[in-house]
Amino acid sequence: MPVSDALNKEEEQLYTLHGMWCTSCALAVEGSLKRLEGVHEVSVHYPSAALCISGTPAAVQLPTLAPKVKRLGYRLTELEPVADAHGRLEEESRYLTLRLMVGSLFGMWTMLASLLIYAGALPSERIELVVAWVSGHSPYLSCCSQACRFTGPGGERCSPSAPAWMF
């Protein structure tokens, strides 16, 4: 086989990308890996945490890609088995459902408090003031409860798998 044929050979690999929190994370990884020499196409699917990359055999190997991905704050591994993926997605789904419920609870409380104050349905101005203060601070409490997953009491980073740009 001539040397030029070996250099033109293209290979496609699938990997699991850990630590993504949003679609922007996937786009950041795609953009970074597309700039690597020998890489022709990169596609990251955020919901399944899958990375599909094609290019020269040397450019698409895990030891070549992992350090680049690690610098972005993520971890690249061999494609995980389907059973492991289902378990991980189930855990993330429970966490996101809980976040949605907490956010909805505080949002509904704020809307109800605003409606009661607007309608003048509260018995005194002092109670209106307390309700306004609590409803004004409940979104803050909701944000803090979500941030607890990432930071400790002193603001130090707790989740090593979270991207570095979050802190």
Foldseek 3Di string as FASTA:
>chain_A
DDPVVLQQDKDKAKKAKFADDDVVLQVVLQVQLCPDPFWDHWGADVLQRMIMTMGRPVSPDCVNSQVSSVVQLMGIGHHDDPVVSVVVSVVVVVVVVVLVVLVVVLVVLLVVLVVCVVVVVDDDVVVNVVSNVCSVCSVVVSVVVVCVVAADPVRHGDDSSHGPVVD
